[in-house]
């Protein structure tokens, strides 16, 4: 599905976190078992002509469909998304919340994909926007894309 959102000649963003390594467990602090705040994300290789960033956090292992945990856009250009970030406009996630809702799988080990987009324009979307509307709005405006995947399994 991501191929429909990204143009062929985009730059690859390098997304990392001090809190967890790619394909490793996301610390409890950033989940529903903990404080439930977003981890800090480091973003490198942002194109100079980028106007803003956007972040989507998805759980592709959800029982029915991919489950959206976080949707935020119009983040000012930065190489560091801080822990518990409040920058940008937060849309409606699949919990019907306007804020980060961390990993919280019902059972088993799930993968969580932090998708970061560098866009060539600010998006004119309201806070009721859902992921499918966001994806439509960014079509043709993605300059760069990167992701960081972590895992989590509930401890209950």
Protein backbone atom coordinates (compact mmCIF):
# COMPACT_ATOMS: atom_id res chain seq x y z
CA UNK A 1 0.00 0.00 0.00
CA UNK A 2 2.84 2.42 0.73
CA UNK A 3 3.86 2.38 -2.93
CA UNK A 4 0.71 4.34 -3.81
CA UNK A 5 1.72 7.12 -1.41
CA UNK A 6 5.33 7.57 -2.42
CA UNK A 7 6.69 8.81 -5.69
CA UNK A 8 9.52 6.77 -7.27
CA UNK A 9 12.31 9.35 -6.80
CA UNK A 10 11.87 10.17 -3.14
CA UNK A 11 14.66 10.39 -0.58
CA UNK A 12 14.95 7.77 2.13
CA UNK A 13 14.71 9.19 5.64
CA UNK A 14 16.83 7.47 8.29
CA UNK A 15 14.64 7.08 11.39
CA UNK A 16 16.10 5.86 14.68
CA UNK A 17 15.34 6.12 18.37
CA UNK A 18 17.49 6.17 21.50
CA UNK A 19 14.72 4.15 23.20
CA UNK A 20 14.79 1.02 21.02
CA UNK A 21 16.55 -0.44 18.00
CA UNK A 22 14.83 -1.50 14.78
CA UNK A 23 12.91 -4.78 15.16
CA UNK A 24 13.53 -4.77 18.92
CA UNK A 25 11.07 -4.43 21.80
CA UNK A 26 9.58 -1.01 22.46
CA UNK A 27 10.07 -0.13 26.16
CA UNK A 28 7.00 -0.39 28.41
CA UNK A 29 7.09 3.39 29.04
CA UNK A 30 5.88 4.04 25.48
CA UNK A 31 2.97 1.55 25.67
CA UNK A 32 -0.40 1.15 27.37
CA UNK A 33 1.45 -0.77 30.13
CA UNK A 34 3.44 2.37 30.93
CA UNK A 35 3.15 6.16 30.67
CA UNK A 36 1.93 5.81 27.04
CA UNK A 37 3.93 8.66 25.49
CA UNK A 38 5.66 8.60 22.12
CA UNK A 39 9.36 7.76 22.06
CA UNK A 40 11.84 10.26 20.73
CA UNK A 41 12.62 9.79 17.04
CA UNK A 42 15.76 10.95 15.26
CA UNK A 43 15.29 11.79 11.58
CA UNK A 44 18.16 12.22 9.13
CA UNK A 45 18.38 13.00 5.38
CA UNK A 46 15.45 15.43 5.34
CA UNK A 47 15.38 17.20 1.95
CA UNK A 48 16.18 20.92 2.10
CA UNK A 49 12.92 21.76 0.31
CA UNK A 50 10.74 19.91 2.83
CA UNK A 51 8.10 22.14 4.43
CA UNK A 52 6.91 19.85 7.24
CA UNK A 53 6.99 16.33 8.63
CA UNK A 54 4.20 13.86 9.35
CA UNK A 55 4.17 10.69 11.45
CA UNK A 56 1.91 7.65 11.36
CA UNK A 57 2.17 4.81 13.88
CA UNK A 58 0.48 1.60 12.71
CA UNK A 59 0.07 -1.95 14.00
CA UNK A 60 -0.14 -4.18 10.91
CA UNK A 61 -0.61 -7.26 13.14
CA UNK A 62 -3.97 -6.11 14.54
CA UNK A 63 -6.64 -8.86 14.31
CA UNK A 64 -8.90 -7.24 11.71
CA UNK A 65 -7.00 -4.54 9.79
CA UNK A 66 -3.91 -2.42 10.30
CA UNK A 67 -4.64 -0.35 13.42
CA UNK A 68 -3.57 3.30 13.56
CA UNK A 69 -2.16 4.46 16.91
CA UNK A 70 -0.91 7.95 16.02
CA UNK A 71 -1.43 10.39 13.19
CA UNK A 72 0.23 13.81 13.23
CA UNK A 73 1.14 16.25 10.44
CA UNK A 74 2.46 19.79 9.86
CA UNK A 75 5.32 19.14 12.27
CA UNK A 76 7.95 21.86 11.81
CA UNK A 77 11.13 20.51 10.21
CA UNK A 78 13.35 19.01 12.89
CA UNK A 79 15.82 16.17 13.24
CA UNK A 80 14.38 15.22 16.65
CA UNK A 81 10.79 14.43 17.53
CA UNK A 82 10.95 14.67 21.30
CA UNK A 83 9.47 12.19 23.72
CA UNK A 84 5.81 13.08 24.45
CA UNK A 85 5.82 15.47 21.46
CA UNK A 86 3.00 17.99 21.09
CA UNK A 87 4.08 19.56 17.78
CA UNK A 88 1.97 19.51 14.64
CA UNK A 89 -1.72 18.72 14.20
CA UNK A 90 -2.91 15.41 15.58
CA UNK A 91 -5.64 13.61 13.68
CA UNK A 92 -8.05 10.92 14.81
CA UNK A 93 -6.47 7.51 15.40
CA UNK A 94 -8.35 4.20 15.39
CA UNK A 95 -9.02 4.55 19.12
CA UNK A 96 -10.97 7.75 18.17
CA UNK A 97 -8.39 9.79 20.13
CA UNK A 98 -6.43 12.88 19.14
CA UNK A 99 -3.18 11.80 20.73
CA UNK A 100 -0.53 9.09 20.73
CA UNK A 101 -1.86 5.73 21.89
CA UNK A 102 1.09 3.40 22.24
CA UNK A 103 1.39 -0.31 21.59
CA UNK A 104 -1.31 -2.33 23.33
CA UNK A 105 -1.80 -5.68 21.58
CA UNK A 106 -4.62 -7.92 22.74
CA UNK A 107 -2.39 -10.98 22.45
CA UNK A 108 0.92 -12.08 21.04
CA UNK A 109 3.83 -10.13 19.65
CA UNK A 110 2.94 -7.23 17.35
CA UNK A 111 5.06 -5.02 15.09
CA UNK A 112 4.65 -1.25 15.31
CA UNK A 113 5.67 0.87 12.34
CA UNK A 114 6.64 4.52 12.94
CA UNK A 115 6.29 6.02 9.44
CA UNK A 116 7.86 9.45 8.90
CA UNK A 117 7.10 11.58 5.86
CA UNK A 118 8.80 14.78 4.68
CA UNK A 119 6.21 16.79 2.75
CA UNK A 120 6.49 19.65 0.27
CA UNK A 121 3.52 21.56 1.71
CA UNK A 122 1.48 22.11 4.85
CA UNK A 123 -1.69 20.06 4.90
CA UNK A 124 -5.06 21.77 5.19
CA UNK A 125 -6.72 19.06 7.26
CA UNK A 126 -8.77 19.31 10.44
CA UNK A 127 -8.33 17.33 13.65
CA UNK A 128 -11.16 14.94 12.70
CA UNK A 129 -9.04 13.63 9.81
CA UNK A 130 -8.47 9.87 9.78
CA UNK A 131 -5.54 8.00 8.22
CA UNK A 132 -7.22 7.24 4.87
CA UNK A 133 -7.98 10.96 4.41
CA UNK A 134 -4.42 11.86 5.41
CA UNK A 135 -3.00 9.36 2.89
CA UNK A 136 -5.11 10.88 0.13
CA UNK A 137 -3.95 14.40 1.09
CA UNK A 138 -0.23 13.54 0.97
CA UNK A 139 -0.41 11.83 -2.42
CA UNK A 140 1.99 13.68 -4.72
CA UNK A 141 3.54 15.67 -1.83
CA UNK A 142 5.95 13.15 -0.25
CA UNK A 143 9.58 14.21 -0.72
CA UNK A 144 11.06 11.60 1.60
CA UNK A 145 9.93 8.62 3.65
CA UNK A 146 11.43 6.45 6.36
CA UNK A 147 10.27 4.08 9.02
CA UNK A 148 11.30 2.47 12.26
CA UNK A 149 9.71 -0.82 13.29
CA UNK A 150 9.58 -1.98 16.89
CA UNK A 151 7.82 -4.88 18.57
CA UNK A 152 5.71 -5.30 21.71
CA UNK A 153 3.74 -7.99 23.52
CA UNK A 154 1.51 -7.25 26.51
CA UNK A 155 2.76 -8.41 29.87
CA UNK A 156 -0.70 -9.32 31.24
